[in-house]
């Protein structure tokens, strides 16, 4: 099952160093999200789940003054048994029963470096996250 892990560049660096990440909550295309979104297109639903993870990432960035002002979302494929819907937190929000290994990460989505002032100000509504291959994560963390 595809899940979207809200992160920061600091937590992404920890993922690289430790080989896994425990984010507690993530987002996914859940039954509640399907009911909440006026689309039957899987791609639209996945995009909405990604955007919800980006909002959670913004909260993480805001809470950690030592991390770069860039939202990070890690898309991962995990067993469905690891995923527990958490509708009380949002239509797309899920809890994960296990830490997610680096080998499960499918792609990385990050704000461009030039957007840091806007991310710091929380004015991100019209900002798109850039897509990166997992192999590019070490360079992103090093920036």
Protein backbone atom coordinates (compact mmCIF):
# COMPACT_ATOMS: atom_id res chain seq x y z
CA UNK A 1 0.00 0.00 0.00
CA UNK A 2 1.33 3.44 -0.89
CA UNK A 3 1.67 5.78 2.07
CA UNK A 4 3.02 9.31 2.27
CA UNK A 5 5.33 10.03 5.18
CA UNK A 6 5.55 13.64 6.35
CA UNK A 7 9.18 14.47 7.07
CA UNK A 8 11.85 17.16 7.17
CA UNK A 9 15.34 17.12 5.72
CA UNK A 10 16.55 16.35 9.24
CA UNK A 11 14.36 13.25 9.53
CA UNK A 12 15.33 12.25 5.98
CA UNK A 13 18.99 12.39 7.05
CA UNK A 14 18.13 10.16 10.01
CA UNK A 15 16.42 7.73 7.61
CA UNK A 16 19.61 7.53 5.56
CA UNK A 17 21.78 7.06 8.65
CA UNK A 18 19.58 4.52 10.45
CA UNK A 19 17.97 2.71 7.50
CA UNK A 20 14.39 3.21 8.67
CA UNK A 21 12.02 5.91 9.88
CA UNK A 22 9.21 5.91 12.42
CA UNK A 23 6.86 8.81 11.68
CA UNK A 24 3.88 7.67 13.71
CA UNK A 25 1.32 9.06 11.28
CA UNK A 26 1.28 9.22 7.51
CA UNK A 27 -1.35 9.67 4.82
CA UNK A 28 -2.81 7.29 2.27
CA UNK A 29 -5.79 6.80 0.02
CA UNK A 30 -8.27 5.59 2.63
CA UNK A 31 -11.97 4.79 2.42
CA UNK A 32 -12.69 8.09 4.21
CA UNK A 33 -10.60 10.02 1.68
CA UNK A 34 -12.49 8.36 -1.18
CA UNK A 35 -15.75 9.59 0.37
CA UNK A 36 -14.40 13.10 1.00
CA UNK A 37 -12.92 13.74 -2.45
CA UNK A 38 -15.10 14.29 -5.48
CA UNK A 39 -13.07 12.07 -7.78
CA UNK A 40 -12.84 8.40 -8.57
CA UNK A 41 -9.45 8.83 -10.25
CA UNK A 42 -6.76 7.08 -8.23
CA UNK A 43 -4.18 9.66 -9.30
CA UNK A 44 -6.32 12.50 -7.90
CA UNK A 45 -6.79 10.65 -4.62
CA UNK A 46 -3.06 9.97 -4.32
CA UNK A 47 -2.34 13.64 -5.00
CA UNK A 48 -4.73 14.65 -2.21
CA UNK A 49 -3.02 12.22 0.19
CA UNK A 50 0.36 13.67 -0.82
CA UNK A 51 -0.89 17.22 -0.17
CA UNK A 52 -2.19 16.17 3.25
CA UNK A 53 1.26 14.76 4.06
CA UNK A 54 2.81 18.04 2.89
CA UNK A 55 0.62 19.88 5.42
CA UNK A 56 1.82 17.55 8.15
CA UNK A 57 5.39 18.13 7.00
CA UNK A 58 4.89 21.89 7.28
CA UNK A 59 3.92 21.39 10.93
CA UNK A 60 7.10 19.37 11.48
CA UNK A 61 9.23 22.06 9.82
CA UNK A 62 7.59 24.75 11.93
CA UNK A 63 8.19 22.76 15.13
CA UNK A 64 11.91 22.22 14.41
CA UNK A 65 13.86 25.48 14.11
CA UNK A 66 17.06 23.56 13.29
CA UNK A 67 15.76 21.99 10.07
CA UNK A 68 15.70 23.54 6.60
CA UNK A 69 12.50 25.38 5.73
CA UNK A 70 11.50 22.80 3.09
CA UNK A 71 8.60 20.39 3.29
CA UNK A 72 9.50 16.75 2.64
CA UNK A 73 7.17 13.87 1.83
CA UNK A 74 8.48 10.36 1.42
CA UNK A 75 6.27 8.06 -0.67
CA UNK A 76 6.61 4.46 0.50
CA UNK A 77 5.10 1.10 -0.28
CA UNK A 78 4.31 -0.88 2.86
CA UNK A 79 2.21 -3.93 3.69
CA UNK A 80 -1.43 -3.03 4.19
CA UNK A 81 -1.31 -4.76 7.59
CA UNK A 82 0.99 -1.97 8.83
CA UNK A 83 -1.62 0.71 8.10
CA UNK A 84 -4.36 1.70 10.55
CA UNK A 85 -6.80 4.46 9.51
CA UNK A 86 -6.94 7.41 11.90
CA UNK A 87 -10.06 9.27 10.72
CA UNK A 88 -10.13 11.36 13.90
CA UNK A 89 -6.96 13.05 12.56
CA UNK A 90 -8.14 13.50 8.97
CA UNK A 91 -9.69 11.60 6.07
CA UNK A 92 -6.31 10.52 4.67
CA UNK A 93 -4.39 10.13 7.93
CA UNK A 94 -3.18 6.70 9.01
CA UNK A 95 -1.01 5.34 11.79
CA UNK A 96 1.81 2.96 10.94
CA UNK A 97 2.42 -0.13 13.08
CA UNK A 98 6.02 -0.50 11.93
CA UNK A 99 9.03 1.65 11.12
CA UNK A 100 9.40 2.13 7.38
CA UNK A 101 12.71 0.87 5.94
CA UNK A 102 14.63 2.92 3.42
CA UNK A 103 14.13 0.08 0.93
CA UNK A 104 10.36 0.77 0.99
CA UNK A 105 10.73 4.41 -0.08
CA UNK A 106 9.54 4.81 -3.68
CA UNK A 107 10.10 8.55 -4.21
CA UNK A 108 10.87 11.79 -2.41
CA UNK A 109 8.91 15.05 -2.74
CA UNK A 110 10.55 18.28 -1.57
CA UNK A 111 10.08 22.03 -1.87
CA UNK A 112 12.66 23.71 -4.06
CA UNK A 113 15.38 25.52 -2.12
CA UNK A 114 14.16 28.90 -3.39
CA UNK A 115 10.83 28.37 -1.59
CA UNK A 116 12.31 28.38 1.92
CA UNK A 117 11.12 31.89 2.79
CA UNK A 118 7.58 31.02 1.70
CA UNK A 119 7.66 27.76 3.64
CA UNK A 120 8.90 29.65 6.72
CA UNK A 121 5.99 32.04 6.34
CA UNK A 122 3.51 29.21 5.77
CA UNK A 123 2.42 30.59 2.39
CA UNK A 124 2.67 27.32 0.49
CA UNK A 125 -0.81 26.91 -1.00
CA UNK A 126 0.39 27.34 -4.58
CA UNK A 127 3.78 25.61 -4.18
CA UNK A 128 4.27 22.21 -5.74
CA UNK A 129 6.68 19.72 -4.28
CA UNK A 130 9.39 18.56 -6.66
CA UNK A 131 9.75 14.83 -7.35
CA UNK A 132 13.08 13.10 -6.71
CA UNK A 133 14.24 9.52 -7.07
CA UNK A 134 15.29 7.83 -3.83
CA UNK A 135 18.88 7.77 -5.13
CA UNK A 136 18.85 11.59 -4.99
CA UNK A 137 18.04 11.69 -1.26
CA UNK A 138 21.69 11.87 -0.08
CA UNK A 139 22.29 14.96 -2.25
CA UNK A 140 19.09 16.60 -1.00
CA UNK A 141 20.09 16.01 2.61
CA UNK A 142 23.59 17.32 1.96
CA UNK A 143 22.30 20.63 0.50
